C-alpha atoms as a PDB file:
ATOM      1  CA  MET A   1       0.036  -0.218   0.004  1.00  0.00           C
ATOM      2  CA  TYR A   2       1.007   3.404  -0.740  1.00  0.00           C
ATOM      3  CA  THR A   3       0.346   6.636   0.833  1.00  0.00           C
ATOM      4  CA  VAL A   4      -0.396  10.088  -1.165  1.00  0.00           C
ATOM      5  CA  LYS A   5       3.098  11.293  -0.614  1.00  0.00           C
ATOM      6  CA  GLN A   6       4.594   8.027  -2.083  1.00  0.00           C
ATOM      7  CA  VAL A   7       1.764   8.000  -4.993  1.00  0.00           C
ATOM      8  CA  SER A   8       2.937  11.898  -5.454  1.00  0.00           C
ATOM      9  CA  GLU A   9       6.681  10.963  -5.878  1.00  0.00           C
ATOM     10  CA  ILE A  10       6.053   7.870  -8.323  1.00  0.00           C
ATOM     11  CA  MET A  11       3.420   9.249 -10.469  1.00  0.00           C
ATOM     12  CA  GLY A  12       4.485  13.041 -10.314  1.00  0.00           C
ATOM     13  CA  ILE A  13       1.233  14.496  -9.142  1.00  0.00           C
ATOM     14  CA  SER A  14       1.061  16.790  -6.542  1.00  0.00           C
ATOM     15  CA  PRO A  15      -0.680  15.363  -3.337  1.00  0.00           C
ATOM     16  CA  TYR A  16      -3.081  18.157  -3.632  1.00  0.00           C
ATOM     17  CA  THR A  17      -3.959  16.780  -6.973  1.00  0.00           C
ATOM     18  CA  LEU A  18      -4.872  13.217  -5.749  1.00  0.00           C
ATOM     19  CA  ARG A  19      -7.016  14.074  -2.843  1.00  0.00           C
ATOM     20  CA  PHE A  20      -8.737  16.197  -5.121  1.00  0.00           C
ATOM     21  CA  TYR A  21      -9.523  13.441  -7.837  1.00  0.00           C
ATOM     22  CA  ASP A  22     -10.811  11.403  -4.516  1.00  0.00           C
ATOM     23  CA  ASN A  23     -12.685  13.813  -3.563  1.00  0.00           C
ATOM     24  CA  GLU A  24     -14.509  14.241  -7.226  1.00  0.00           C
ATOM     25  CA  GLY A  25     -15.185  10.136  -6.649  1.00  0.00           C
ATOM     26  CA  LEU A  26     -12.425   9.012  -9.324  1.00  0.00           C
ATOM     27  CA  PHE A  27     -10.793   6.679  -6.991  1.00  0.00           C
ATOM     28  CA  PRO A  28     -13.698   4.948  -5.563  1.00  0.00           C
ATOM     29  CA  ASN A  29     -11.759   2.008  -4.414  1.00  0.00           C
ATOM     30  CA  LEU A  30      -9.280   3.492  -2.400  1.00  0.00           C
ATOM     31  CA  LYS A  31      -8.916   2.468   1.050  1.00  0.00           C
ATOM     32  CA  ARG A  32      -8.321   4.212   4.099  1.00  0.00           C
ATOM     33  CA  GLY A  33      -6.685   3.428   7.390  1.00  0.00           C
ATOM     34  CA  ALA A  34      -8.527   4.379  10.960  1.00  0.00           C
ATOM     35  CA  ASN A  35      -6.697   7.668  10.954  1.00  0.00           C
ATOM     36  CA  GLY A  36      -8.249   8.629   7.716  1.00  0.00           C
ATOM     37  CA  ARG A  37      -5.410   8.384   5.792  1.00  0.00           C
ATOM     38  CA  ARG A  38      -5.466   7.468   2.211  1.00  0.00           C
ATOM     39  CA  TYR A  39      -3.730   3.965   1.022  1.00  0.00           C
ATOM     40  CA  PHE A  40      -3.347   3.324  -2.476  1.00  0.00           C
ATOM     41  CA  SER A  41      -3.167  -0.421  -4.039  1.00  0.00           C
ATOM     42  CA  THR A  42      -0.893  -1.185  -7.018  1.00  0.00           C
ATOM     43  CA  GLN A  43      -4.176  -1.591  -9.126  1.00  0.00           C
ATOM     44  CA  ASP A  44      -5.298   1.955  -7.918  1.00  0.00           C
ATOM     45  CA  LEU A  45      -1.698   3.347  -9.240  1.00  0.00           C
ATOM     46  CA  ASN A  46      -2.589   1.853 -12.392  1.00  0.00           C
ATOM     47  CA  TRP A  47      -5.949   4.217 -12.099  1.00  0.00           C
ATOM     48  CA  VAL A  48      -3.946   6.723 -11.481  1.00  0.00           C
ATOM     49  CA  HIS A  49      -2.126   6.604 -14.569  1.00  0.00           C
ATOM     50  CA  VAL A  50      -5.045   5.947 -16.329  1.00  0.00           C
ATOM     51  CA  VAL A  51      -6.643   9.448 -15.001  1.00  0.00           C
ATOM     52  CA  GLN A  52      -3.554  11.565 -15.800  1.00  0.00           C
ATOM     53  CA  CYS A  53      -3.635   9.915 -19.259  1.00  0.00           C
ATOM     54  CA  PHE A  54      -7.183  11.106 -19.961  1.00  0.00           C
ATOM     55  CA  ARG A  55      -6.791  14.516 -18.426  1.00  0.00           C
ATOM     56  CA  ASN A  56      -3.657  14.846 -20.725  1.00  0.00           C
ATOM     57  CA  THR A  57      -6.238  14.295 -23.543  1.00  0.00           C
ATOM     58  CA  GLY A  58      -8.230  17.304 -22.340  1.00  0.00           C
ATOM     59  CA  LEU A  59     -10.904  15.516 -20.653  1.00  0.00           C
ATOM     60  CA  SER A  60     -12.920  16.756 -17.697  1.00  0.00           C
ATOM     61  CA  ILE A  61     -13.466  15.233 -14.378  1.00  0.00           C
ATOM     62  CA  ALA A  62     -17.151  14.846 -14.868  1.00  0.00           C
ATOM     63  CA  GLU A  63     -16.294  12.721 -18.079  1.00  0.00           C
ATOM     64  CA  ILE A  64     -13.535  10.880 -16.755  1.00  0.00           C
ATOM     65  CA  ARG A  65     -15.898  10.294 -13.525  1.00  0.00           C
END
């Protein structure tokens, strides 16, 4: 499992953007710890990559959702 900070470093996305995407519902299967922290699985990392690709093509968040 990866934290927001780790995913940010791996994927080259700011932690703010990852949290924003999660709040917008783009990561529906994201796990949270007892403390409320977000934890990404390897499958979630793949989905982050897909979301990045969609955003790079100009799709809106609503379209991706």
